[in-house]
Amino acid sequence: MPMSEAKRDALLEAVSFNSMKNGEGTASVTLRKGDIGDWKNHLTPNDWERVDKAFEKELSNVKLAAPLRPYHEY
């Protein structure tokens, strides 16, 4: 059954960046704008090393993660 226009509009509003950023709905999430390279303002080299280690531990054998490998190094 197709989704009604009203239901579609409500869904689009619920998953909008502003709605999630303002904590609306039931999910608790943390969002930020995500400018290119902005991670350097939020992650120290030590933080990034922890990300690299977690990536290797959890995703090293996952084929779907292989294209991300070039991007996970500081």
N, C-alpha and C. Protein backbone atom coordinates (compact mmCIF):
# COMPACT_ATOMS: atom_id res chain seq x y z
N MET A 1 0.84 -1.18 0.00
CA MET A 1 0.00 0.00 0.00
C MET A 1 0.89 1.25 0.00
N PRO A 2 0.66 2.17 -0.91
CA PRO A 2 1.47 3.39 -0.97
C PRO A 2 1.28 4.25 0.29
N MET A 3 2.32 4.98 0.62
CA MET A 3 2.28 5.87 1.77
C MET A 3 1.53 7.15 1.40
N SER A 4 0.69 7.60 2.31
CA SER A 4 -0.06 8.84 2.05
C SER A 4 0.91 10.02 2.07
N GLU A 5 0.50 11.10 1.44
CA GLU A 5 1.34 12.30 1.40
C GLU A 5 1.57 12.84 2.80
N ALA A 6 0.55 12.82 3.64
CA ALA A 6 0.69 13.31 5.01
C ALA A 6 1.69 12.46 5.80
N LYS A 7 1.60 11.15 5.63
CA LYS A 7 2.52 10.25 6.33
C LYS A 7 3.94 10.45 5.83
N ARG A 8 4.10 10.62 4.51
CA ARG A 8 5.42 10.87 3.94
C ARG A 8 6.01 12.16 4.49
N ASP A 9 5.19 13.22 4.55
CA ASP A 9 5.67 14.50 5.06
C ASP A 9 6.08 14.38 6.53
N ALA A 10 5.29 13.64 7.32
CA ALA A 10 5.62 13.44 8.74
C ALA A 10 6.93 12.67 8.88
N LEU A 11 7.14 11.67 8.04
CA LEU A 11 8.37 10.88 8.07
C LEU A 11 9.57 11.75 7.71
N LEU A 12 9.43 12.52 6.65
CA LEU A 12 10.53 13.39 6.23
C LEU A 12 10.90 14.40 7.33
N GLU A 13 9.91 14.91 8.01
CA GLU A 13 10.17 15.85 9.11
C GLU A 13 10.87 15.12 10.27
N ALA A 14 10.42 13.91 10.59
CA ALA A 14 10.99 13.16 11.71
C ALA A 14 12.45 12.80 11.49
N VAL A 15 12.85 12.56 10.24
CA VAL A 15 14.24 12.17 9.97
C VAL A 15 15.10 13.34 9.48
N SER A 16 14.56 14.55 9.55
CA SER A 16 15.34 15.71 9.11
C SER A 16 16.47 15.97 10.11
N PHE A 17 17.52 16.59 9.63
CA PHE A 17 18.67 16.91 10.49
C PHE A 17 18.23 17.75 11.68
N ASN A 18 17.44 18.79 11.43
CA ASN A 18 17.03 19.67 12.53
C ASN A 18 16.21 18.94 13.58
N SER A 19 15.33 18.07 13.15
CA SER A 19 14.50 17.32 14.09
C SER A 19 15.37 16.44 14.97
N MET A 20 16.30 15.72 14.37
CA MET A 20 17.18 14.85 15.15
C MET A 20 18.13 15.66 16.01
N LYS A 21 18.62 16.78 15.50
CA LYS A 21 19.55 17.63 16.24
C LYS A 21 18.88 18.18 17.49
N ASN A 22 17.60 18.49 17.39
CA ASN A 22 16.87 19.06 18.52
C ASN A 22 16.35 18.00 19.48
N GLY A 23 16.70 16.74 19.23
CA GLY A 23 16.33 15.67 20.14
C GLY A 23 14.87 15.27 20.06
N GLU A 24 14.20 15.59 18.98
CA GLU A 24 12.80 15.22 18.83
C GLU A 24 12.70 13.72 18.53
N GLY A 25 11.63 13.11 18.91
CA GLY A 25 11.45 11.69 18.67
C GLY A 25 11.96 10.86 19.83
N THR A 26 12.06 9.57 19.62
CA THR A 26 12.44 8.68 20.71
C THR A 26 13.92 8.34 20.73
N ALA A 27 14.62 8.52 19.63
CA ALA A 27 16.03 8.16 19.59
C ALA A 27 16.89 9.26 20.18
N SER A 28 17.90 8.88 20.91
CA SER A 28 18.87 9.82 21.44
C SER A 28 20.12 9.73 20.57
N VAL A 29 20.38 10.77 19.79
CA VAL A 29 21.52 10.76 18.89
C VAL A 29 22.31 12.04 19.04
N THR A 30 23.56 11.99 18.65
CA THR A 30 24.40 13.18 18.62
C THR A 30 24.72 13.46 17.17
N LEU A 31 24.39 14.66 16.73
CA LEU A 31 24.65 15.04 15.35
C LEU A 31 25.41 16.35 15.31
N ARG A 32 26.20 16.49 14.30
CA ARG A 32 26.86 17.76 14.04
C ARG A 32 26.93 17.96 12.54
N LYS A 33 27.29 19.15 12.12
CA LYS A 33 27.23 19.49 10.71
C LYS A 33 28.12 18.60 9.84
N GLY A 34 29.33 18.31 10.28
CA GLY A 34 30.20 17.41 9.53
C GLY A 34 30.88 18.03 8.34
N ASP A 35 31.47 19.20 8.50
CA ASP A 35 32.23 19.80 7.42
C ASP A 35 33.43 18.91 7.08
N ILE A 36 33.84 18.93 5.84
CA ILE A 36 34.97 18.12 5.39
C ILE A 36 36.21 18.50 6.19
N GLY A 37 36.84 17.49 6.77
CA GLY A 37 38.06 17.69 7.54
C GLY A 37 37.84 18.22 8.95
N ASP A 38 36.59 18.46 9.33
CA ASP A 38 36.28 19.02 10.65
C ASP A 38 36.62 18.05 11.77
N TRP A 39 36.74 16.77 11.45
CA TRP A 39 37.07 15.79 12.49
C TRP A 39 38.38 16.16 13.17
N LYS A 40 39.27 16.87 12.46
CA LYS A 40 40.55 17.26 13.04
C LYS A 40 40.37 18.21 14.21
N ASN A 41 39.22 18.90 14.25
CA ASN A 41 38.92 19.80 15.36
C ASN A 41 38.30 19.06 16.54
N HIS A 42 37.98 17.79 16.36
CA HIS A 42 37.28 17.04 17.41
C HIS A 42 38.03 15.80 17.87
N LEU A 43 38.95 15.30 17.06
CA LEU A 43 39.70 14.09 17.40
C LEU A 43 41.19 14.39 17.48
N THR A 44 41.79 13.96 18.57
CA THR A 44 43.24 14.09 18.70
C THR A 44 43.90 12.91 17.98
N PRO A 45 45.20 12.98 17.75
CA PRO A 45 45.87 11.82 17.16
C PRO A 45 45.64 10.55 18.00
N ASN A 46 45.60 10.68 19.32
CA ASN A 46 45.35 9.53 20.19
C ASN A 46 43.93 8.98 19.96
N ASP A 47 42.95 9.88 19.84
CA ASP A 47 41.58 9.45 19.56
C ASP A 47 41.54 8.69 18.23
N TRP A 48 42.21 9.24 17.24
CA TRP A 48 42.18 8.63 15.91
C TRP A 48 42.86 7.27 15.91
N GLU A 49 43.92 7.13 16.71
CA GLU A 49 44.59 5.84 16.85
C GLU A 49 43.62 4.80 17.43
N ARG A 50 42.81 5.22 18.39
CA ARG A 50 41.80 4.32 18.97
C ARG A 50 40.77 3.92 17.91
N VAL A 51 40.38 4.86 17.05
CA VAL A 51 39.45 4.55 15.97
C VAL A 51 40.07 3.52 15.02
N ASP A 52 41.34 3.75 14.66
CA ASP A 52 42.04 2.81 13.77
C ASP A 52 42.09 1.41 14.37
N LYS A 53 42.41 1.31 15.66
CA LYS A 53 42.48 0.00 16.31
C LYS A 53 41.12 -0.67 16.35
N ALA A 54 40.07 0.10 16.65
CA ALA A 54 38.71 -0.46 16.67
C ALA A 54 38.30 -0.92 15.27
N PHE A 55 38.66 -0.13 14.25
CA PHE A 55 38.36 -0.49 12.87
C PHE A 55 39.00 -1.83 12.54
N GLU A 56 40.29 -1.96 12.87
CA GLU A 56 41.01 -3.20 12.56
C GLU A 56 40.42 -4.38 13.33
N LYS A 57 40.12 -4.18 14.60
CA LYS A 57 39.59 -5.26 15.42
C LYS A 57 38.22 -5.73 14.92
N GLU A 58 37.34 -4.79 14.63
CA GLU A 58 35.95 -5.13 14.32
C GLU A 58 35.67 -5.32 12.83
N LEU A 59 36.42 -4.64 11.96
CA LEU A 59 36.07 -4.62 10.55
C LEU A 59 37.14 -5.14 9.60
N SER A 60 38.27 -5.58 10.13
CA SER A 60 39.36 -5.97 9.24
C SER A 60 39.00 -7.10 8.28
N ASN A 61 38.10 -7.97 8.66
CA ASN A 61 37.71 -9.10 7.80
C ASN A 61 36.36 -8.90 7.11
N VAL A 62 35.83 -7.70 7.18
CA VAL A 62 34.53 -7.41 6.58
C VAL A 62 34.76 -6.79 5.20
N LYS A 63 34.37 -7.51 4.16
CA LYS A 63 34.61 -7.03 2.79
C LYS A 63 33.95 -5.68 2.52
N LEU A 64 32.78 -5.47 3.11
CA LEU A 64 32.07 -4.21 2.89
C LEU A 64 32.86 -3.01 3.41
N ALA A 65 33.71 -3.22 4.42
CA ALA A 65 34.50 -2.13 5.00
C ALA A 65 35.78 -1.85 4.23
N ALA A 66 36.18 -2.73 3.34
CA ALA A 66 37.45 -2.58 2.62
C ALA A 66 37.61 -1.23 1.92
N PRO A 67 36.59 -0.69 1.27
CA PRO A 67 36.78 0.62 0.63
C PRO A 67 37.03 1.77 1.61
N LEU A 68 36.73 1.56 2.89
CA LEU A 68 36.95 2.60 3.90
C LEU A 68 38.38 2.63 4.39
N ARG A 69 39.11 1.55 4.17
CA ARG A 69 40.48 1.44 4.70
C ARG A 69 41.35 2.66 4.40
N PRO A 70 41.39 3.20 3.19
CA PRO A 70 42.25 4.38 2.95
C PRO A 70 41.88 5.61 3.77
N TYR A 71 40.65 5.66 4.26
CA TYR A 71 40.19 6.85 4.96
C TYR A 71 40.31 6.74 6.47
N HIS A 72 40.66 5.59 7.00
CA HIS A 72 40.65 5.45 8.44
C HIS A 72 42.01 5.73 9.07
N GLU A 73 42.98 6.12 8.29
CA GLU A 73 44.30 6.45 8.85
C GLU A 73 44.44 7.95 9.00
N TYR A 74 45.00 8.39 10.10
CA TYR A 74 45.13 9.82 10.43
C TYR A 74 46.02 10.54 9.47
